[in-house]
Structures are given as structure tokens and as C-alpha cells.
C-alpha atoms as a PDB file:
ATOM      1  CA  UNK A   1       0.000   0.000   0.000  1.00  0.00           C
ATOM      2  CA  UNK A   2       2.849   2.367   0.801  1.00  0.00           C
ATOM      3  CA  UNK A   3       4.613   1.698  -2.501  1.00  0.00           C
ATOM      4  CA  UNK A   4       1.354   2.087  -4.461  1.00  0.00           C
ATOM      5  CA  UNK A   5       0.548   5.359  -2.694  1.00  0.00           C
ATOM      6  CA  UNK A   6       4.014   6.793  -3.306  1.00  0.00           C
ATOM      7  CA  UNK A   7       3.956   5.806  -6.973  1.00  0.00           C
ATOM      8  CA  UNK A   8       0.471   7.320  -7.376  1.00  0.00           C
ATOM      9  CA  UNK A   9       1.533  10.594  -5.765  1.00  0.00           C
ATOM     10  CA  UNK A  10       4.637  10.817  -7.968  1.00  0.00           C
ATOM     11  CA  UNK A  11       2.646  10.012 -11.117  1.00  0.00           C
ATOM     12  CA  UNK A  12      -0.138  12.524 -10.362  1.00  0.00           C
ATOM     13  CA  UNK A  13       2.407  15.231  -9.483  1.00  0.00           C
ATOM     14  CA  UNK A  14       4.328  14.581 -12.715  1.00  0.00           C
ATOM     15  CA  UNK A  15       1.150  14.718 -14.819  1.00  0.00           C
ATOM     16  CA  UNK A  16       0.217  17.998 -13.166  1.00  0.00           C
ATOM     17  CA  UNK A  17       3.648  19.445 -13.899  1.00  0.00           C
ATOM     18  CA  UNK A  18       3.399  18.264 -17.517  1.00  0.00           C
ATOM     19  CA  UNK A  19       0.002  19.914 -18.001  1.00  0.00           C
ATOM     20  CA  UNK A  20       1.225  23.122 -16.352  1.00  0.00           C
ATOM     21  CA  UNK A  21       4.173  23.407 -18.735  1.00  0.00           C
ATOM     22  CA  UNK A  22       1.898  22.660 -21.705  1.00  0.00           C
ATOM     23  CA  UNK A  23      -0.301  25.519 -20.502  1.00  0.00           C
ATOM     24  CA  UNK A  24       2.679  27.884 -20.320  1.00  0.00           C
ATOM     25  CA  UNK A  25       3.764  26.968 -23.858  1.00  0.00           C
ATOM     26  CA  UNK A  26       0.237  27.293 -25.198  1.00  0.00           C
ATOM     27  CA  UNK A  27      -0.231  30.621 -23.407  1.00  0.00           C
ATOM     28  CA  UNK A  28       2.862  31.964 -25.183  1.00  0.00           C
ATOM     29  CA  UNK A  29       1.432  30.832 -28.529  1.00  0.00           C
ATOM     30  CA  UNK A  30      -1.937  32.458 -27.825  1.00  0.00           C
ATOM     31  CA  UNK A  31      -0.320  35.710 -26.686  1.00  0.00           C
ATOM     32  CA  UNK A  32       1.794  35.801 -29.838  1.00  0.00           C
ATOM     33  CA  UNK A  33      -1.248  35.064 -31.997  1.00  0.00           C
ATOM     34  CA  UNK A  34      -3.453  37.727 -30.403  1.00  0.00           C
ATOM     35  CA  UNK A  35      -0.729  40.371 -29.998  1.00  0.00           C
ATOM     36  CA  UNK A  36      -1.696  43.695 -31.545  1.00  0.00           C
ATOM     37  CA  UNK A  37       0.523  46.331 -33.032  1.00  0.00           C
ATOM     38  CA  UNK A  38       2.945  43.905 -34.688  1.00  0.00           C
ATOM     39  CA  UNK A  39       3.398  45.191 -38.246  1.00  0.00           C
ATOM     40  CA  UNK A  40       3.284  42.550 -40.987  1.00  0.00           C
ATOM     41  CA  UNK A  41       6.636  41.888 -42.640  1.00  0.00           C
ATOM     42  CA  UNK A  42       6.960  41.682 -46.429  1.00  0.00           C
ATOM     43  CA  UNK A  43       7.349  38.118 -47.661  1.00  0.00           C
ATOM     44  CA  UNK A  44      10.111  38.905 -50.123  1.00  0.00           C
ATOM     45  CA  UNK A  45      11.737  35.827 -51.659  1.00  0.00           C
ATOM     46  CA  UNK A  46      11.142  33.634 -48.599  1.00  0.00           C
ATOM     47  CA  UNK A  47       9.034  30.500 -48.857  1.00  0.00           C
ATOM     48  CA  UNK A  48       5.978  30.460 -46.607  1.00  0.00           C
ATOM     49  CA  UNK A  49       6.988  27.164 -45.017  1.00  0.00           C
ATOM     50  CA  UNK A  50      10.284  28.733 -43.894  1.00  0.00           C
ATOM     51  CA  UNK A  51       8.417  31.201 -41.654  1.00  0.00           C
ATOM     52  CA  UNK A  52       7.243  30.480 -38.123  1.00  0.00           C
ATOM     53  CA  UNK A  53       3.627  29.463 -37.889  1.00  0.00           C
ATOM     54  CA  UNK A  54       1.277  32.438 -37.363  1.00  0.00           C
ATOM     55  CA  UNK A  55       3.911  34.933 -38.508  1.00  0.00           C
ATOM     56  CA  UNK A  56       2.309  38.123 -39.799  1.00  0.00           C
ATOM     57  CA  UNK A  57       3.245  39.060 -43.338  1.00  0.00           C
ATOM     58  CA  UNK A  58       2.371  41.363 -46.199  1.00  0.00           C
ATOM     59  CA  UNK A  59       1.856  40.180 -49.779  1.00  0.00           C
ATOM     60  CA  UNK A  60       1.447  42.034 -53.066  1.00  0.00           C
ATOM     61  CA  UNK A  61      -0.132  40.412 -56.092  1.00  0.00           C
ATOM     62  CA  UNK A  62      -3.456  39.539 -57.710  1.00  0.00           C
ATOM     63  CA  UNK A  63      -6.363  37.328 -56.626  1.00  0.00           C
ATOM     64  CA  UNK A  64      -7.353  34.575 -59.031  1.00  0.00           C
ATOM     65  CA  UNK A  65     -11.098  34.818 -58.474  1.00  0.00           C
ATOM     66  CA  UNK A  66     -11.907  32.375 -61.279  1.00  0.00           C
ATOM     67  CA  UNK A  67     -10.277  29.391 -59.536  1.00  0.00           C
ATOM     68  CA  UNK A  68     -11.298  29.185 -55.891  1.00  0.00           C
ATOM     69  CA  UNK A  69     -11.725  26.333 -53.413  1.00  0.00           C
ATOM     70  CA  UNK A  70     -14.349  25.863 -50.721  1.00  0.00           C
ATOM     71  CA  UNK A  71     -12.982  23.987 -47.716  1.00  0.00           C
ATOM     72  CA  UNK A  72     -15.849  21.809 -46.512  1.00  0.00           C
ATOM     73  CA  UNK A  73     -16.645  20.713 -42.936  1.00  0.00           C
ATOM     74  CA  UNK A  74     -15.682  24.048 -41.383  1.00  0.00           C
ATOM     75  CA  UNK A  75     -17.840  25.384 -38.564  1.00  0.00           C
ATOM     76  CA  UNK A  76     -18.360  28.758 -36.910  1.00  0.00           C
ATOM     77  CA  UNK A  77     -20.491  29.349 -33.800  1.00  0.00           C
ATOM     78  CA  UNK A  78     -21.894  25.836 -34.175  1.00  0.00           C
ATOM     79  CA  UNK A  79     -22.975  26.405 -37.781  1.00  0.00           C
ATOM     80  CA  UNK A  80     -21.777  24.375 -40.774  1.00  0.00           C
ATOM     81  CA  UNK A  81     -20.105  26.090 -43.676  1.00  0.00           C
ATOM     82  CA  UNK A  82     -17.018  26.509 -45.820  1.00  0.00           C
ATOM     83  CA  UNK A  83     -13.763  28.429 -45.699  1.00  0.00           C
ATOM     84  CA  UNK A  84     -12.928  30.252 -48.916  1.00  0.00           C
ATOM     85  CA  UNK A  85      -9.448  29.485 -50.240  1.00  0.00           C
ATOM     86  CA  UNK A  86      -8.424  31.842 -53.054  1.00  0.00           C
ATOM     87  CA  UNK A  87      -5.192  31.621 -55.105  1.00  0.00           C
ATOM     88  CA  UNK A  88      -3.123  34.791 -54.884  1.00  0.00           C
ATOM     89  CA  UNK A  89      -0.502  35.272 -57.598  1.00  0.00           C
ATOM     90  CA  UNK A  90       2.532  37.118 -56.262  1.00  0.00           C
ATOM     91  CA  UNK A  91       4.532  39.575 -58.342  1.00  0.00           C
ATOM     92  CA  UNK A  92       7.419  37.084 -58.491  1.00  0.00           C
ATOM     93  CA  UNK A  93       5.222  34.415 -60.137  1.00  0.00           C
ATOM     94  CA  UNK A  94       4.535  32.240 -57.099  1.00  0.00           C
ATOM     95  CA  UNK A  95       0.997  31.354 -56.035  1.00  0.00           C
ATOM     96  CA  UNK A  96      -0.161  31.506 -52.416  1.00  0.00           C
ATOM     97  CA  UNK A  97      -3.493  30.258 -51.087  1.00  0.00           C
ATOM     98  CA  UNK A  98      -5.302  32.959 -49.093  1.00  0.00           C
ATOM     99  CA  UNK A  99      -8.026  31.881 -46.684  1.00  0.00           C
ATOM    100  CA  UNK A 100     -10.593  34.676 -46.943  1.00  0.00           C
ATOM    101  CA  UNK A 101     -12.765  33.363 -44.122  1.00  0.00           C
ATOM    102  CA  UNK A 102     -15.901  31.385 -43.377  1.00  0.00           C
ATOM    103  CA  UNK A 103     -19.226  31.411 -45.229  1.00  0.00           C
ATOM    104  CA  UNK A 104     -22.381  29.523 -44.138  1.00  0.00           C
ATOM    105  CA  UNK A 105     -23.697  26.368 -45.780  1.00  0.00           C
ATOM    106  CA  UNK A 106     -26.840  27.120 -47.790  1.00  0.00           C
ATOM    107  CA  UNK A 107     -28.500  23.826 -46.908  1.00  0.00           C
ATOM    108  CA  UNK A 108     -28.147  22.480 -50.447  1.00  0.00           C
ATOM    109  CA  UNK A 109     -25.055  20.841 -51.883  1.00  0.00           C
ATOM    110  CA  UNK A 110     -25.863  22.065 -55.376  1.00  0.00           C
ATOM    111  CA  UNK A 111     -26.149  25.701 -54.263  1.00  0.00           C
ATOM    112  CA  UNK A 112     -22.696  26.977 -53.435  1.00  0.00           C
ATOM    113  CA  UNK A 113     -22.225  30.396 -51.817  1.00  0.00           C
ATOM    114  CA  UNK A 114     -21.400  33.384 -53.977  1.00  0.00           C
ATOM    115  CA  UNK A 115     -17.719  34.151 -53.417  1.00  0.00           C
ATOM    116  CA  UNK A 116     -16.891  36.265 -56.459  1.00  0.00           C
ATOM    117  CA  UNK A 117     -14.335  39.077 -56.261  1.00  0.00           C
ATOM    118  CA  UNK A 118     -15.307  42.459 -57.640  1.00  0.00           C
ATOM    119  CA  UNK A 119     -11.677  43.507 -58.174  1.00  0.00           C
ATOM    120  CA  UNK A 120     -10.256  40.124 -59.195  1.00  0.00           C
ATOM    121  CA  UNK A 121      -7.114  40.621 -61.253  1.00  0.00           C
ATOM    122  CA  UNK A 122      -6.304  44.006 -59.750  1.00  0.00           C
ATOM    123  CA  UNK A 123      -2.942  44.389 -58.040  1.00  0.00           C
ATOM    124  CA  UNK A 124      -3.453  44.638 -54.283  1.00  0.00           C
ATOM    125  CA  UNK A 125      -1.452  44.379 -51.078  1.00  0.00           C
ATOM    126  CA  UNK A 126      -2.888  42.187 -48.301  1.00  0.00           C
ATOM    127  CA  UNK A 127      -1.865  41.196 -44.774  1.00  0.00           C
ATOM    128  CA  UNK A 128      -2.373  37.947 -42.912  1.00  0.00           C
ATOM    129  CA  UNK A 129      -0.820  35.107 -40.926  1.00  0.00           C
ATOM    130  CA  UNK A 130       0.996  31.994 -42.075  1.00  0.00           C
ATOM    131  CA  UNK A 131      -0.720  28.732 -41.172  1.00  0.00           C
ATOM    132  CA  UNK A 132      -0.814  25.121 -42.267  1.00  0.00           C
ATOM    133  CA  UNK A 133      -3.758  23.680 -44.150  1.00  0.00           C
ATOM    134  CA  UNK A 134      -6.359  21.890 -41.989  1.00  0.00           C
ATOM    135  CA  UNK A 135      -5.450  18.277 -41.228  1.00  0.00           C
ATOM    136  CA  UNK A 136      -8.019  15.508 -41.360  1.00  0.00           C
ATOM    137  CA  UNK A 137      -9.063  13.804 -38.145  1.00  0.00           C
ATOM    138  CA  UNK A 138     -10.227  10.729 -40.023  1.00  0.00           C
ATOM    139  CA  UNK A 139      -9.284   9.426 -43.453  1.00  0.00           C
ATOM    140  CA  UNK A 140     -12.985   9.215 -44.328  1.00  0.00           C
ATOM    141  CA  UNK A 141     -13.275  12.986 -43.896  1.00  0.00           C
ATOM    142  CA  UNK A 142     -10.991  13.704 -46.855  1.00  0.00           C
ATOM    143  CA  UNK A 143     -12.314  14.730 -50.240  1.00  0.00           C
ATOM    144  CA  UNK A 144      -9.802  16.061 -52.791  1.00  0.00           C
ATOM    145  CA  UNK A 145     -11.051  18.604 -55.331  1.00  0.00           C
ATOM    146  CA  UNK A 146     -12.655  17.027 -58.372  1.00  0.00           C
ATOM    147  CA  UNK A 147     -10.519  17.153 -61.537  1.00  0.00           C
ATOM    148  CA  UNK A 148     -11.937  19.305 -64.295  1.00  0.00           C
ATOM    149  CA  UNK A 149     -15.438  20.717 -64.074  1.00  0.00           C
ATOM    150  CA  UNK A 150     -16.713  24.008 -62.757  1.00  0.00           C
ATOM    151  CA  UNK A 151     -15.282  26.352 -60.144  1.00  0.00           C
ATOM    152  CA  UNK A 152     -15.313  26.881 -57.210  1.00  0.00           C
ATOM    153  CA  UNK A 153     -14.331  23.354 -56.199  1.00  0.00           C
ATOM    154  CA  UNK A 154     -15.506  21.872 -52.901  1.00  0.00           C
ATOM    155  CA  UNK A 155     -12.837  19.944 -51.032  1.00  0.00           C
ATOM    156  CA  UNK A 156     -12.294  18.622 -47.528  1.00  0.00           C
ATOM    157  CA  UNK A 157      -8.868  18.378 -45.858  1.00  0.00           C
ATOM    158  CA  UNK A 158      -7.019  18.441 -49.203  1.00  0.00           C
ATOM    159  CA  UNK A 159      -3.304  17.925 -49.649  1.00  0.00           C
ATOM    160  CA  UNK A 160      -1.311  20.700 -51.258  1.00  0.00           C
ATOM    161  CA  UNK A 161      -0.424  18.497 -54.234  1.00  0.00           C
ATOM    162  CA  UNK A 162      -4.133  17.886 -54.909  1.00  0.00           C
ATOM    163  CA  UNK A 163      -4.913  21.600 -54.868  1.00  0.00           C
ATOM    164  CA  UNK A 164      -1.954  22.326 -57.148  1.00  0.00           C
ATOM    165  CA  UNK A 165      -3.071  19.615 -59.580  1.00  0.00           C
ATOM    166  CA  UNK A 166      -6.593  21.037 -59.725  1.00  0.00           C
ATOM    167  CA  UNK A 167      -5.239  24.554 -60.175  1.00  0.00           C
ATOM    168  CA  UNK A 168      -2.748  23.489 -62.815  1.00  0.00           C
ATOM    169  CA  UNK A 169       0.300  25.217 -61.320  1.00  0.00           C
ATOM    170  CA  UNK A 170       2.561  24.925 -58.255  1.00  0.00           C
ATOM    171  CA  UNK A 171       1.461  26.570 -55.011  1.00  0.00           C
ATOM    172  CA  UNK A 172       3.104  27.337 -51.678  1.00  0.00           C
ATOM    173  CA  UNK A 173       2.576  24.593 -49.113  1.00  0.00           C
ATOM    174  CA  UNK A 174       1.085  26.887 -46.444  1.00  0.00           C
ATOM    175  CA  UNK A 175      -1.975  29.090 -46.485  1.00  0.00           C
ATOM    176  CA  UNK A 176      -2.355  32.710 -45.393  1.00  0.00           C
ATOM    177  CA  UNK A 177      -5.162  33.594 -42.982  1.00  0.00           C
ATOM    178  CA  UNK A 178      -6.411  36.964 -44.185  1.00  0.00           C
ATOM    179  CA  UNK A 179      -6.495  39.576 -41.405  1.00  0.00           C
ATOM    180  CA  UNK A 180      -9.968  40.534 -40.220  1.00  0.00           C
ATOM    181  CA  UNK A 181      -9.264  44.180 -41.075  1.00  0.00           C
ATOM    182  CA  UNK A 182      -8.586  43.366 -44.734  1.00  0.00           C
ATOM    183  CA  UNK A 183     -11.264  43.837 -47.426  1.00  0.00           C
ATOM    184  CA  UNK A 184     -12.668  41.103 -49.689  1.00  0.00           C
ATOM    185  CA  UNK A 185     -13.087  38.629 -46.847  1.00  0.00           C
ATOM    186  CA  UNK A 186     -15.754  36.845 -44.824  1.00  0.00           C
ATOM    187  CA  UNK A 187     -15.982  35.751 -41.180  1.00  0.00           C
ATOM    188  CA  UNK A 188     -12.419  35.649 -39.830  1.00  0.00           C
ATOM    189  CA  UNK A 189     -12.401  34.960 -36.100  1.00  0.00           C
ATOM    190  CA  UNK A 190      -9.040  33.213 -36.258  1.00  0.00           C
ATOM    191  CA  UNK A 191      -7.812  31.460 -33.130  1.00  0.00           C
ATOM    192  CA  UNK A 192      -4.764  29.331 -32.345  1.00  0.00           C
ATOM    193  CA  UNK A 193      -5.443  25.596 -32.642  1.00  0.00           C
ATOM    194  CA  UNK A 194      -6.147  23.397 -29.649  1.00  0.00           C
ATOM    195  CA  UNK A 195      -7.667  24.111 -26.279  1.00  0.00           C
ATOM    196  CA  UNK A 196      -7.146  27.418 -24.413  1.00  0.00           C
ATOM    197  CA  UNK A 197      -4.168  27.457 -22.012  1.00  0.00           C
ATOM    198  CA  UNK A 198      -6.526  27.849 -19.051  1.00  0.00           C
ATOM    199  CA  UNK A 199      -7.750  24.300 -19.689  1.00  0.00           C
ATOM    200  CA  UNK A 200      -4.220  22.934 -19.274  1.00  0.00           C
ATOM    201  CA  UNK A 201      -3.789  24.849 -16.013  1.00  0.00           C
ATOM    202  CA  UNK A 202      -7.102  23.419 -14.805  1.00  0.00           C
ATOM    203  CA  UNK A 203      -5.983  19.890 -15.650  1.00  0.00           C
ATOM    204  CA  UNK A 204      -2.713  20.481 -13.779  1.00  0.00           C
ATOM    205  CA  UNK A 205      -4.560  21.562 -10.650  1.00  0.00           C
ATOM    206  CA  UNK A 206      -6.793  18.484 -10.875  1.00  0.00           C
ATOM    207  CA  UNK A 207      -3.799  16.132 -11.056  1.00  0.00           C
ATOM    208  CA  UNK A 208      -2.208  17.849  -8.065  1.00  0.00           C
ATOM    209  CA  UNK A 209      -5.476  17.538  -6.154  1.00  0.00           C
ATOM    210  CA  UNK A 210      -5.441  13.801  -6.905  1.00  0.00           C
ATOM    211  CA  UNK A 211      -1.901  13.590  -5.502  1.00  0.00           C
ATOM    212  CA  UNK A 212      -2.949  15.524  -2.399  1.00  0.00           C
ATOM    213  CA  UNK A 213      -6.004  13.321  -1.923  1.00  0.00           C
ATOM    214  CA  UNK A 214      -3.909  10.142  -2.057  1.00  0.00           C
ATOM    215  CA  UNK A 215      -1.441  11.585   0.458  1.00  0.00           C
ATOM    216  CA  UNK A 216      -4.223  12.646   2.832  1.00  0.00           C
ATOM    217  CA  UNK A 217      -6.009   9.287   2.598  1.00  0.00           C
ATOM    218  CA  UNK A 218      -2.779   7.379   3.156  1.00  0.00           C
ATOM    219  CA  UNK A 219      -1.945   9.514   6.193  1.00  0.00           C
ATOM    220  CA  UNK A 220      -5.456   9.203   7.625  1.00  0.00           C
ATOM    221  CA  UNK A 221      -5.532   5.418   7.238  1.00  0.00           C
ATOM    222  CA  UNK A 222      -2.123   4.957   8.812  1.00  0.00           C
ATOM    223  CA  UNK A 223      -2.931   7.339  11.671  1.00  0.00           C
ATOM    224  CA  UNK A 224      -6.095   5.352  12.307  1.00  0.00           C
ATOM    225  CA  UNK A 225      -4.034   2.148  12.551  1.00  0.00           C
ATOM    226  CA  UNK A 226      -1.633   3.774  15.026  1.00  0.00           C
ATOM    227  CA  UNK A 227      -4.534   4.951  17.228  1.00  0.00           C
ATOM    228  CA  UNK A 228      -5.878   1.431  17.374  1.00  0.00           C
END
């Protein structure tokens, strides 16, 4: 009983410490993501994948409004919908995928939302954050864009190679989350992935309470034996 109690206390204390440090790391990520006043840096000749995730950047080029993707299975405030992924052709010839935000599902698969761009083809400068494309939770949730056919193309958790094949030209492997202050976008309440850091701190406290409970119970039981 003594060995089991000691091992339990050590394990619960270690799990609490682990969750606490995860909370600290996640808190730093959230603070960096939500920090205001950080000016976006020009991309220059750098590849998107070479930048730190959620880095703010500025891009100059032209939207390709004729060839857009609708990322399926994306929710906002409990509602089903799509995220609009629009190719953005940089001045240096590269193509970046810009996530212009969330639009609601119409209720009919054959009635896609209107996502046209009034100034498509015009040279513009935009700002946003670097992010990876959404990853599938289950293989059955994947649906690559259909080859050929009309645009926009509905897709779910696509791979970059599949999007490039549908588009007919190479694209950068990361997407850009368009800033909420930028025009030509939809709902953009971007948040860091995963649970809030407060949840990790709560889990840490729970594990430490388990360790304390075991210690108190062990002490109470042994004190009771001594009294007898």
C-alpha cells in the first residue's frame, strides 16, 4: 500500500507538472497570436513554409477569383459552412493560397455560396498570418477537389499536391489567414489551434489535487491504525 501510494503521488504530481508546462507553452502561442501592433513583414523571396507558424506578413499580387476552393466541414459558432481558399498570384510568379474566411452552408449541396471578387485581377497588397492547411481527423473525412469541371471546387482536408493539380500550377505549401481588417473577406475569427491554455492549467490543478487526496487518505488510514 505504501509503494502504491508513493507511486500514485509521484505520477499525479508529474502529470500535473506536464500539463502546467503545456499551458505555459500554449499561453505563449496564444499571446503571440493575439498580440496587436505587430506590423506585418513583407514576404520577399522567402518560402511560406520557412516562416514560423502564425507569422504576420504582407503580400502584393493579384487574386485569381476564377479558380477558388471551398474547404468543406468548417464550422463557426456551431454552424456548418465553408472556408474560402483563393489563389493569390505574387509579383514574383509564385501562387499563395489565401483563406478569406468562413461562409455559411446554404442547406443544399448544389447551391454553393457566392464568393466572387469584384476587383479580381487588380494588383493589391494584403496582410495575414501563415498557417498550415487543416489536417483531417479521419481518413474518411478527406475529399480532394474534383478534376476538371466548374469552379469553385468543394474539397475537404485536401493535400497541397491535390490543390496544385486542380489549379494546374505549383502553389506554396502553407496558407495565409487573411487579417480581419482586410477587405474582400468573410468571417475571420481566427484562433490558435487546440484548447485554451486555461484548460491545461485546470488539468494540472486536478492532477495535483489527486496527488494531495492520495497523500491525505494514506496519512489518515495509517494514523487510524496507530490509534488502534
